[in-house]
Amino acid sequence: MKTSKSEKLFNEAQKLIPGGVNSPVRAFKAVGGSPVFIQRGEGSKFYDVDGNEYIDYIGSWGPHLFGHNPPFIKEALLKAVEDGTSFGAPTELEVKMAKLISELVPSIEMVRMVNSGTEATMSAVRAARGFTGKEKFIKFEGCYHGHADYFLIKAGSGALTLGVPTSPGVTKGNAADTLLADYNDIDSVKKIIKQNKNEIAAVIIEPIAGNMGVVPAEKKFLEDLRTICSEEKIVLIFDEVMTGFRVAKGGAQELYGIKPDLSTFGKIIGGGLPVGAFGGKKEIMQMIAPSGPVYQAGTLSGNPLAMAAGYAALSHIKSNPDIYKSLEEKSSYLEKGIREALANVKKNYALNRVGSMMTLFFTEGEVNNFKSAVKSDTALYGKFYGEMLKRGIYLAPAQFEAAFVSTVHSKEDLDKTALACMEVLLSENL
């Protein structure tokens, strides 16, 4: 495996970009070694600047439900480019996109497009505060909702990976309004609400956490959360930036049969381009400017290129109802292969999967919340990652992230991955 060009680029990048990367997990700090620099992607694979081929299981961290460079998204983008890249004015495609999102996700009565998942979540919390007239909100340990100040309190994802769950630069005032509950523990929520009676505007949660590794919420827990929020007049926000259109056509809320008041989206709704959205009940969304007093704006929101790619992706989902059945078959096949590999080794592990999202934790016992996730052997995962990379399998370069299966991963890809997993787990290097 040649890496000379990637190493040269990384050395140069570190002189010009903080840590040499534009998003922290890409730096490989959690797994050791230097990152590989990607040149191009096609289908289930991508290729680095040194010519190495990888079966890709991060899919740009979730957006590539259909693999890299699918023809129907590429065609939509080329057509959009011919008309213009940005106008700063309304387009018909924004209306069509809003209509399609609300059609696919029944809880969405109105939606506002933004430019990232972080913008979506921070705007949803602001809308909830404006609607309720209250300031505090509850988040859960290990859930990551982007890098807005008030979310970086015991956050998951890169913050957890790099050991900075509470970031410097976050003020005490912001921290004071963020109330922390335990994932899958309804009693912790009840206690916080009792201690802050009539002061809580919102509860925000990843219904299937993907940022402390894949950790699904228990159905009863989410049902109780829905009931409590309704009783206490608290806005329930589902962060579906990762799970939206990934685990089901209507996201995690479809799987659980629970309607949140607001939802946030990203990833797949941009077809691989930078985009986000938040939406939900009309009475809350009408608080957003210019129809209401809660200010939110974005120069490039509803960008025609992102809308074209996103509309192509969601239209493809709508017109191909068997997508999620196929994804489940591929993902369960891969899970079975990995479990068979693990059965041959004497190592503690937990393998969590929901649909086409999964995480292999090197730990003893189940992983169902933040405290159980952080017991994982991250050094062992780092060795595992490096050995898999040498065999052409690109996983998330951090223990506390998700792997994603796409519609174009072939049986050959999945078999090669399971075999590599067995070889690595049985090797002396681990």
Protein backbone atom coordinates (compact mmCIF):
# COMPACT_ATOMS: atom_id res chain seq x y z
CA MET A 1 0.00 0.00 0.00
CA LYS A 2 1.67 3.20 -1.21
CA THR A 3 1.03 6.35 0.80
CA SER A 4 3.80 8.75 -0.23
CA LYS A 5 1.56 11.27 -2.02
CA SER A 6 -0.97 11.31 0.83
CA GLU A 7 1.81 11.81 3.39
CA LYS A 8 3.30 14.66 1.36
CA LEU A 9 -0.10 16.36 1.07
CA PHE A 10 -0.79 15.93 4.78
CA ASN A 11 2.57 17.47 5.72
CA GLU A 12 1.80 20.45 3.50
CA ALA A 13 -1.78 20.72 4.77
CA GLN A 14 -0.65 20.88 8.41
CA LYS A 15 1.22 24.10 7.64
CA LEU A 16 -1.89 25.74 6.18
CA ILE A 17 -4.98 24.13 7.79
CA PRO A 18 -5.48 23.48 11.54
CA GLY A 19 -4.46 19.86 12.05
CA GLY A 20 -4.18 19.49 8.29
CA VAL A 21 -7.90 18.83 7.84
CA ASN A 22 -11.17 20.75 7.59
CA SER A 23 -13.06 18.45 9.97
CA PRO A 24 -11.26 16.88 12.98
CA VAL A 25 -11.97 13.14 12.62
CA ARG A 26 -10.35 13.12 9.17
CA ALA A 27 -6.91 13.62 10.77
CA PHE A 28 -6.76 9.95 11.93
CA LYS A 29 -5.73 11.03 15.44
CA ALA A 30 -8.05 8.44 16.97
CA VAL A 31 -6.59 5.56 14.96
CA GLY A 32 -2.98 6.63 14.39
CA GLY A 33 -1.06 7.18 11.20
CA SER A 34 -1.69 9.73 8.48
CA PRO A 35 -4.93 10.17 6.56
CA VAL A 36 -5.23 9.08 2.97
CA PHE A 37 -6.21 11.83 0.53
CA ILE A 38 -9.05 10.82 -1.77
CA GLN A 39 -8.97 11.65 -5.48
CA ARG A 40 -12.20 10.20 -6.85
CA GLY A 41 -15.13 7.91 -6.05
CA GLU A 42 -17.35 5.61 -8.09
CA GLY A 43 -20.06 3.29 -6.80
CA SER A 44 -19.06 1.49 -3.59
CA LYS A 45 -15.38 2.44 -3.89
CA PHE A 46 -13.09 5.40 -3.80
CA TYR A 47 -9.45 5.87 -4.77
CA ASP A 48 -6.69 7.86 -3.09
CA VAL A 49 -3.98 10.02 -4.68
CA ASP A 50 -1.53 7.09 -4.51
CA GLY A 51 -3.88 4.91 -6.59
CA ASN A 52 -5.10 2.67 -3.73
CA GLU A 53 -8.66 1.33 -4.02
CA TYR A 54 -10.99 1.10 -1.00
CA ILE A 55 -14.44 -0.31 -0.40
CA ASP A 56 -15.97 2.72 1.28
CA TYR A 57 -18.19 2.39 4.35
CA ILE A 58 -18.38 6.03 5.40
CA GLY A 59 -20.06 7.35 2.24
CA SER A 60 -19.10 10.95 3.02
CA TRP A 61 -20.39 10.25 6.57
CA GLY A 62 -23.81 9.08 5.42
CA PRO A 63 -25.03 11.06 2.39
CA HIS A 64 -24.06 8.51 -0.26
CA LEU A 65 -27.03 6.18 0.10
CA PHE A 66 -26.56 5.30 -3.59
CA GLY A 67 -22.77 5.17 -3.56
CA HIS A 68 -20.36 7.62 -5.13
CA ASN A 69 -21.30 9.61 -8.20
CA PRO A 70 -24.65 7.99 -9.08
CA PRO A 71 -25.64 8.91 -12.67
CA PHE A 72 -29.05 10.40 -11.79
CA ILE A 73 -27.53 12.84 -9.29
CA LYS A 74 -24.67 13.73 -11.63
CA GLU A 75 -27.16 14.45 -14.44
CA ALA A 76 -29.26 16.66 -12.13
CA LEU A 77 -26.17 18.63 -11.11
CA LEU A 78 -24.93 19.14 -14.66
CA LYS A 79 -28.32 20.47 -15.70
CA ALA A 80 -28.45 22.82 -12.68
CA VAL A 81 -24.94 24.16 -13.38
CA GLU A 82 -26.04 25.17 -16.87
CA ASP A 83 -28.76 27.39 -15.37
CA GLY A 84 -26.52 29.00 -12.73
CA THR A 85 -24.83 28.14 -9.45
CA SER A 86 -26.50 30.62 -7.07
CA PHE A 87 -29.05 33.41 -7.20
CA GLY A 88 -29.84 34.55 -3.65
CA ALA A 89 -33.47 34.56 -4.76
CA PRO A 90 -36.28 31.97 -4.64
CA THR A 91 -36.41 29.16 -7.18
CA GLU A 92 -39.13 26.69 -8.13
CA LEU A 93 -36.92 23.80 -7.03
CA GLU A 94 -37.02 25.01 -3.39
CA VAL A 95 -40.80 24.68 -3.44
CA LYS A 96 -40.66 21.24 -5.02
CA MET A 97 -38.06 20.15 -2.48
CA ALA A 98 -40.18 21.35 0.47
CA LYS A 99 -43.21 19.55 -0.94
CA LEU A 100 -41.27 16.31 -1.39
CA ILE A 101 -39.79 16.38 2.12
CA SER A 102 -43.22 16.94 3.67
CA GLU A 103 -44.65 14.13 1.55
CA LEU A 104 -42.00 11.63 2.64
CA VAL A 105 -41.95 12.66 6.33
CA PRO A 106 -45.54 13.11 7.63
CA SER A 107 -44.52 15.19 10.70
CA ILE A 108 -43.19 17.96 8.43
CA GLU A 109 -45.85 20.61 7.77
CA MET A 110 -43.38 23.38 6.94
CA VAL A 111 -39.63 23.24 6.31
CA ARG A 112 -36.76 25.71 6.04
CA MET A 113 -33.63 24.84 4.05
CA VAL A 114 -30.23 25.71 5.51
CA ASN A 115 -26.61 24.88 4.66
CA SER A 116 -25.57 22.28 7.22
CA GLY A 117 -26.76 19.98 9.98
CA THR A 118 -25.33 22.37 12.57
CA GLU A 119 -27.42 25.23 11.16
CA ALA A 120 -30.49 22.99 11.21
CA THR A 121 -30.16 21.94 14.86
CA MET A 122 -29.24 25.37 16.22
CA SER A 123 -32.14 26.92 14.30
CA ALA A 124 -34.58 24.27 15.55
CA VAL A 125 -33.64 24.99 19.17
CA ARG A 126 -33.96 28.74 18.54
CA ALA A 127 -37.42 28.19 17.04
CA ALA A 128 -38.44 26.13 20.07
CA ARG A 129 -37.22 28.85 22.43
CA GLY A 130 -39.06 31.52 20.48
CA PHE A 131 -42.25 29.46 20.37
CA THR A 132 -42.30 28.56 24.07
CA GLY A 133 -40.73 31.70 25.50
CA LYS A 134 -38.40 29.47 27.55
CA GLU A 135 -34.60 29.26 27.39
CA LYS A 136 -33.31 25.92 28.67
CA PHE A 137 -33.21 22.69 26.72
CA ILE A 138 -32.30 19.05 27.35
CA LYS A 139 -29.76 17.08 25.32
CA PHE A 140 -28.37 13.61 25.95
CA GLU A 141 -24.84 12.58 26.81
CA GLY A 142 -23.04 11.31 23.73
CA CYS A 143 -25.47 12.80 21.21
CA TYR A 144 -23.86 15.20 18.76
CA HIS A 145 -25.94 17.95 17.22
CA GLY A 146 -23.27 19.97 15.45
CA HIS A 147 -20.76 22.48 16.76
CA ALA A 148 -22.97 25.32 18.01
CA ASP A 149 -21.73 26.42 21.45
CA TYR A 150 -24.61 25.09 23.49
CA PHE A 151 -24.39 21.61 21.89
CA LEU A 152 -20.74 21.02 22.79
CA ILE A 153 -21.51 19.87 26.31
CA LYS A 154 -20.61 16.18 26.60
CA ALA A 155 -21.12 15.82 22.88
CA GLY A 156 -20.43 12.73 20.82
CA SER A 157 -18.74 12.35 17.43
CA GLY A 158 -15.42 14.13 16.91
CA ALA A 159 -15.61 15.86 20.28
CA LEU A 160 -15.81 12.50 22.02
CA THR A 161 -13.17 10.96 19.75
CA LEU A 162 -10.65 13.71 20.49
CA GLY A 163 -11.36 13.71 24.22
CA VAL A 164 -12.83 17.22 24.36
CA PRO A 165 -16.52 16.60 25.15
CA THR A 166 -16.80 20.15 26.48
CA SER A 167 -14.97 22.52 24.15
CA PRO A 168 -12.92 25.54 25.22
CA GLY A 169 -14.61 28.66 23.94
CA VAL A 170 -18.05 27.59 25.19
CA THR A 171 -19.22 30.15 27.74
CA LYS A 172 -20.64 29.36 31.17
CA GLY A 173 -23.86 31.08 30.13
CA ASN A 174 -24.35 28.69 27.23
CA ALA A 175 -23.51 25.72 29.39
CA ALA A 176 -26.02 26.79 32.02
CA ASP A 177 -28.92 26.56 29.58
CA THR A 178 -27.92 23.07 28.39
CA LEU A 179 -29.32 20.33 30.63
CA LEU A 180 -27.81 16.84 30.30
CA ALA A 181 -29.84 13.65 30.52
CA ASP A 182 -28.83 10.00 30.12
CA TYR A 183 -29.71 8.33 26.83
CA ASN A 184 -32.33 5.59 27.22
CA ASP A 185 -33.03 6.67 30.82
CA ILE A 186 -36.43 8.34 31.14
CA ASP A 187 -36.03 8.86 34.89
CA SER A 188 -33.07 11.18 34.25
CA VAL A 189 -35.34 13.27 32.01
CA LYS A 190 -38.15 13.38 34.55
CA LYS A 191 -35.71 14.51 37.26
CA ILE A 192 -34.37 17.38 35.15
CA ILE A 193 -37.87 18.55 34.20
CA LYS A 194 -38.93 18.50 37.85
CA GLN A 195 -35.88 20.55 38.86
CA ASN A 196 -36.49 23.09 36.05
CA LYS A 197 -40.28 23.28 36.05
CA ASN A 198 -41.69 25.48 33.24
CA GLU A 199 -38.18 26.53 32.14
CA ILE A 200 -37.45 23.97 29.40
CA ALA A 201 -38.15 24.90 25.79
CA ALA A 202 -37.04 21.71 24.06
CA VAL A 203 -35.66 18.22 24.24
CA ILE A 204 -33.37 17.32 21.34
CA ILE A 205 -32.30 13.76 20.66
CA GLU A 206 -30.82 11.51 18.02
CA PRO A 207 -33.53 8.80 17.98
CA ILE A 208 -30.82 6.49 16.70
CA ALA A 209 -27.52 7.88 17.91
CA GLY A 210 -24.77 7.70 15.34
CA ASN A 211 -22.21 9.87 17.04
CA MET A 212 -21.19 7.69 19.98
CA GLY A 213 -21.27 4.84 17.54
CA VAL A 214 -24.64 3.45 16.48
CA VAL A 215 -26.83 3.31 19.60
CA PRO A 216 -30.59 3.01 19.05
CA ALA A 217 -33.06 4.47 21.51
CA GLU A 218 -35.47 2.02 23.12
CA LYS A 219 -39.01 2.38 21.74
CA LYS A 220 -40.57 2.71 25.22
CA PHE A 221 -38.04 5.42 26.08
CA LEU A 222 -39.00 7.50 23.02
CA GLU A 223 -42.72 6.91 23.62
CA ASP A 224 -42.37 8.15 27.21
CA LEU A 225 -40.32 11.11 26.01
CA ARG A 226 -43.08 12.03 23.54
CA THR A 227 -45.73 11.81 26.29
CA ILE A 228 -43.75 13.92 28.77
CA CYS A 229 -42.96 16.63 26.21
CA SER A 230 -46.65 16.88 25.29
CA GLU A 231 -47.71 17.09 28.94
CA GLU A 232 -45.07 19.68 29.86
CA LYS A 233 -45.48 21.75 26.66
CA ILE A 234 -41.88 21.06 25.67
CA VAL A 235 -40.91 20.95 21.98
CA LEU A 236 -39.59 17.50 21.06
CA ILE A 237 -36.86 17.69 18.38
CA PHE A 238 -35.61 14.63 16.54
CA ASP A 239 -32.15 15.16 15.11
CA GLU A 240 -32.39 13.08 11.94
CA VAL A 241 -29.43 14.65 10.15
CA MET A 242 -27.90 11.18 9.97
CA THR A 243 -30.95 8.89 10.10
CA GLY A 244 -33.28 10.89 7.87
CA PHE A 245 -33.90 8.90 4.64
CA ARG A 246 -31.13 6.54 5.76
CA VAL A 247 -32.87 4.01 8.04
CA ALA A 248 -36.27 4.37 6.34
CA LYS A 249 -38.05 6.61 3.84
CA GLY A 250 -39.48 8.63 6.72
CA GLY A 251 -36.41 8.31 8.93
CA ALA A 252 -36.20 6.96 12.47
CA GLN A 253 -39.58 8.49 13.30
CA GLU A 254 -41.15 6.14 10.76
CA LEU A 255 -39.41 3.12 12.31
CA TYR A 256 -40.55 4.05 15.81
CA GLY A 257 -43.98 5.38 14.84
CA ILE A 258 -43.43 8.58 16.84
CA LYS A 259 -44.01 12.13 15.60
CA PRO A 260 -41.66 14.82 16.95
CA ASP A 261 -42.65 18.49 16.94
CA LEU A 262 -39.57 19.47 14.94
CA SER A 263 -37.05 17.46 12.94
CA THR A 264 -33.64 18.30 11.53
CA PHE A 265 -32.12 16.86 8.37
CA GLY A 266 -28.91 16.91 6.36
CA LYS A 267 -26.70 14.38 4.60
CA ILE A 268 -28.97 12.53 2.12
CA ILE A 269 -31.26 15.50 1.45
CA GLY A 270 -28.33 17.18 -0.30
CA GLY A 271 -27.43 14.21 -2.47
CA GLY A 272 -23.81 14.64 -1.36
CA LEU A 273 -23.74 18.45 -1.42
CA PRO A 274 -23.63 20.65 1.73
CA VAL A 275 -27.20 21.14 2.94
CA GLY A 276 -29.47 20.97 5.97
CA ALA A 277 -33.11 21.53 6.82
CA PHE A 278 -35.39 21.84 9.82
CA GLY A 279 -39.15 21.59 9.90
CA GLY A 280 -42.22 20.34 11.68
CA LYS A 281 -45.43 21.74 13.08
CA LYS A 282 -46.76 24.77 11.23
CA GLU A 283 -47.50 26.71 14.40
CA ILE A 284 -43.83 26.48 15.41
CA MET A 285 -42.32 27.03 11.96
CA GLN A 286 -44.42 30.14 11.38
CA MET A 287 -42.39 31.74 14.18
CA ILE A 288 -39.43 31.85 11.76
CA ALA A 289 -38.69 35.14 9.94
CA PRO A 290 -40.07 36.63 7.80
CA SER A 291 -43.42 35.17 8.87
CA GLY A 292 -42.52 35.48 12.56
CA PRO A 293 -40.04 37.14 14.95
CA VAL A 294 -37.47 34.32 15.29
CA TYR A 295 -34.62 35.32 13.00
CA GLN A 296 -32.86 32.80 10.79
CA ALA A 297 -31.16 33.48 7.48
CA GLY A 298 -28.56 32.09 5.08
CA THR A 299 -27.16 33.62 1.91
CA LEU A 300 -26.78 30.25 0.19
CA SER A 301 -29.77 28.50 1.75
CA GLY A 302 -31.74 26.68 -0.93
CA ASN A 303 -28.73 26.79 -3.24
CA PRO A 304 -29.88 25.49 -6.65
CA LEU A 305 -27.06 22.93 -6.93
CA ALA A 306 -27.80 21.43 -3.52
CA MET A 307 -31.54 21.48 -4.25
CA ALA A 308 -31.01 19.76 -7.59
CA ALA A 309 -28.90 16.99 -6.08
CA GLY A 310 -31.19 16.62 -3.07
CA TYR A 311 -34.35 16.55 -5.16
CA ALA A 312 -32.82 13.87 -7.39
CA ALA A 313 -31.92 11.77 -4.32
CA LEU A 314 -35.34 12.06 -2.66
CA SER A 315 -37.17 11.52 -5.95
CA HIS A 316 -35.17 8.34 -6.46
CA ILE A 317 -36.20 7.16 -2.99
CA LYS A 318 -39.86 7.95 -3.69
CA SER A 319 -39.90 6.09 -7.00
CA ASN A 320 -37.99 3.04 -5.72
CA PRO A 321 -39.86 1.72 -2.66
CA ASP A 322 -37.69 -1.45 -2.48
CA ILE A 323 -34.53 0.52 -1.65
CA TYR A 324 -34.77 -0.07 2.09
CA LYS A 325 -35.55 -3.76 1.69
CA SER A 326 -32.41 -4.12 -0.42
CA LEU A 327 -30.36 -2.12 2.08
CA GLU A 328 -31.59 -4.30 4.94
CA GLU A 329 -30.63 -7.48 3.05
CA LYS A 330 -27.13 -6.18 2.29
CA SER A 331 -26.59 -4.83 5.80
CA SER A 332 -27.83 -7.96 7.57
CA TYR A 333 -25.62 -10.07 5.27
CA LEU A 334 -22.59 -7.99 6.25
CA GLU A 335 -23.54 -8.17 9.94
CA LYS A 336 -23.78 -11.96 9.72
CA GLY A 337 -20.37 -12.15 8.07
CA ILE A 338 -18.75 -9.97 10.75
CA ARG A 339 -20.40 -11.94 13.57
CA GLU A 340 -19.08 -15.18 12.05
CA ALA A 341 -15.61 -13.63 12.00
CA LEU A 342 -15.93 -12.53 15.63
CA ALA A 343 -17.08 -16.00 16.70
CA ASN A 344 -13.62 -17.31 15.86
CA VAL A 345 -11.69 -14.93 18.10
CA LYS A 346 -11.40 -14.35 21.82
CA LYS A 347 -12.17 -10.66 21.94
CA ASN A 348 -14.97 -8.75 23.61
CA TYR A 349 -17.20 -6.88 21.24
CA ALA A 350 -20.65 -5.45 20.67
CA LEU A 351 -22.05 -5.02 17.18
CA ASN A 352 -24.91 -2.54 16.92
CA ARG A 353 -26.89 -2.15 13.69
CA VAL A 354 -30.03 -0.35 12.60
CA GLY A 355 -30.75 -0.69 8.91
CA SER A 356 -27.71 0.36 6.89
CA MET A 357 -25.91 1.91 9.90
CA MET A 358 -23.64 -0.13 12.16
CA THR A 359 -20.75 0.08 14.62
CA LEU A 360 -18.40 -2.58 15.94
CA PHE A 361 -17.42 -1.73 19.52
CA PHE A 362 -14.46 -3.45 21.16
CA THR A 363 -16.02 -3.74 24.58
CA GLU A 364 -17.63 -6.15 26.99
CA GLY A 365 -21.42 -6.06 27.33
CA GLU A 366 -24.12 -4.15 25.48
CA VAL A 367 -23.70 -0.58 24.28
CA ASN A 368 -26.93 1.34 24.90
CA ASN A 369 -25.78 4.75 26.13
CA PHE A 370 -22.82 7.10 26.50
CA LYS A 371 -21.37 5.44 29.59
CA SER A 372 -21.30 1.99 28.01
CA ALA A 373 -19.93 3.34 24.70
CA VAL A 374 -16.89 5.02 26.29
CA LYS A 375 -15.81 1.73 27.87
CA SER A 376 -14.71 0.62 24.41
CA ASP A 377 -11.05 -0.20 23.77
CA THR A 378 -10.21 2.65 21.40
CA ALA A 379 -6.56 1.58 21.05
CA LEU A 380 -7.67 -1.85 19.85
CA TYR A 381 -10.10 -0.24 17.41
CA GLY A 382 -7.23 1.87 16.07
CA LYS A 383 -5.17 -1.24 15.32
CA PHE A 384 -8.20 -2.92 13.75
CA TYR A 385 -8.84 0.13 11.60
CA GLY A 386 -5.25 0.28 10.33
CA GLU A 387 -5.21 -3.38 9.37
CA MET A 388 -8.56 -3.12 7.58
CA LEU A 389 -7.31 -0.07 5.69
CA LYS A 390 -4.28 -2.04 4.45
CA ARG A 391 -6.73 -4.59 3.05
CA GLY A 392 -8.68 -1.95 1.14
CA ILE A 393 -11.59 -1.53 3.58
CA TYR A 394 -12.30 2.09 4.54
CA LEU A 395 -14.18 2.33 7.84
CA ALA A 396 -14.78 5.36 10.04
CA PRO A 397 -11.39 6.46 11.47
CA ALA A 398 -12.81 6.56 15.01
CA GLN A 399 -14.51 4.10 17.33
CA PHE A 400 -17.43 6.40 18.03
CA GLU A 401 -18.79 6.70 14.49
CA ALA A 402 -21.03 4.72 12.17
CA ALA A 403 -20.34 2.60 9.12
CA PHE A 404 -22.80 2.97 6.25
CA VAL A 405 -23.87 0.45 3.64
CA SER A 406 -25.05 1.76 0.26
CA THR A 407 -27.38 0.35 -2.38
CA VAL A 408 -24.39 -0.35 -4.63
CA HIS A 409 -22.29 -2.42 -2.24
CA SER A 410 -22.07 -5.80 -3.95
CA LYS A 411 -22.02 -9.29 -2.44
CA GLU A 412 -18.37 -9.41 -3.46
CA ASP A 413 -17.71 -6.19 -1.50
CA LEU A 414 -19.48 -7.53 1.57
CA ASP A 415 -17.74 -10.93 1.41
CA LYS A 416 -14.34 -9.26 1.01
CA THR A 417 -15.08 -7.07 4.03
CA ALA A 418 -16.11 -9.98 6.26
CA LEU A 419 -13.06 -12.00 5.18
CA ALA A 420 -10.75 -9.06 5.88
CA CYS A 421 -12.38 -8.70 9.29
CA MET A 422 -11.64 -12.34 10.11
CA GLU A 423 -8.03 -12.07 8.89
CA VAL A 424 -7.43 -8.97 10.98
CA LEU A 425 -9.03 -10.32 14.14
CA LEU A 426 -6.96 -13.50 13.89
CA SER A 427 -3.71 -11.71 13.00
CA GLU A 428 -0.83 -11.21 15.42
CA ASN A 429 -0.93 -7.45 14.72
CA LEU A 430 -4.11 -6.98 16.69
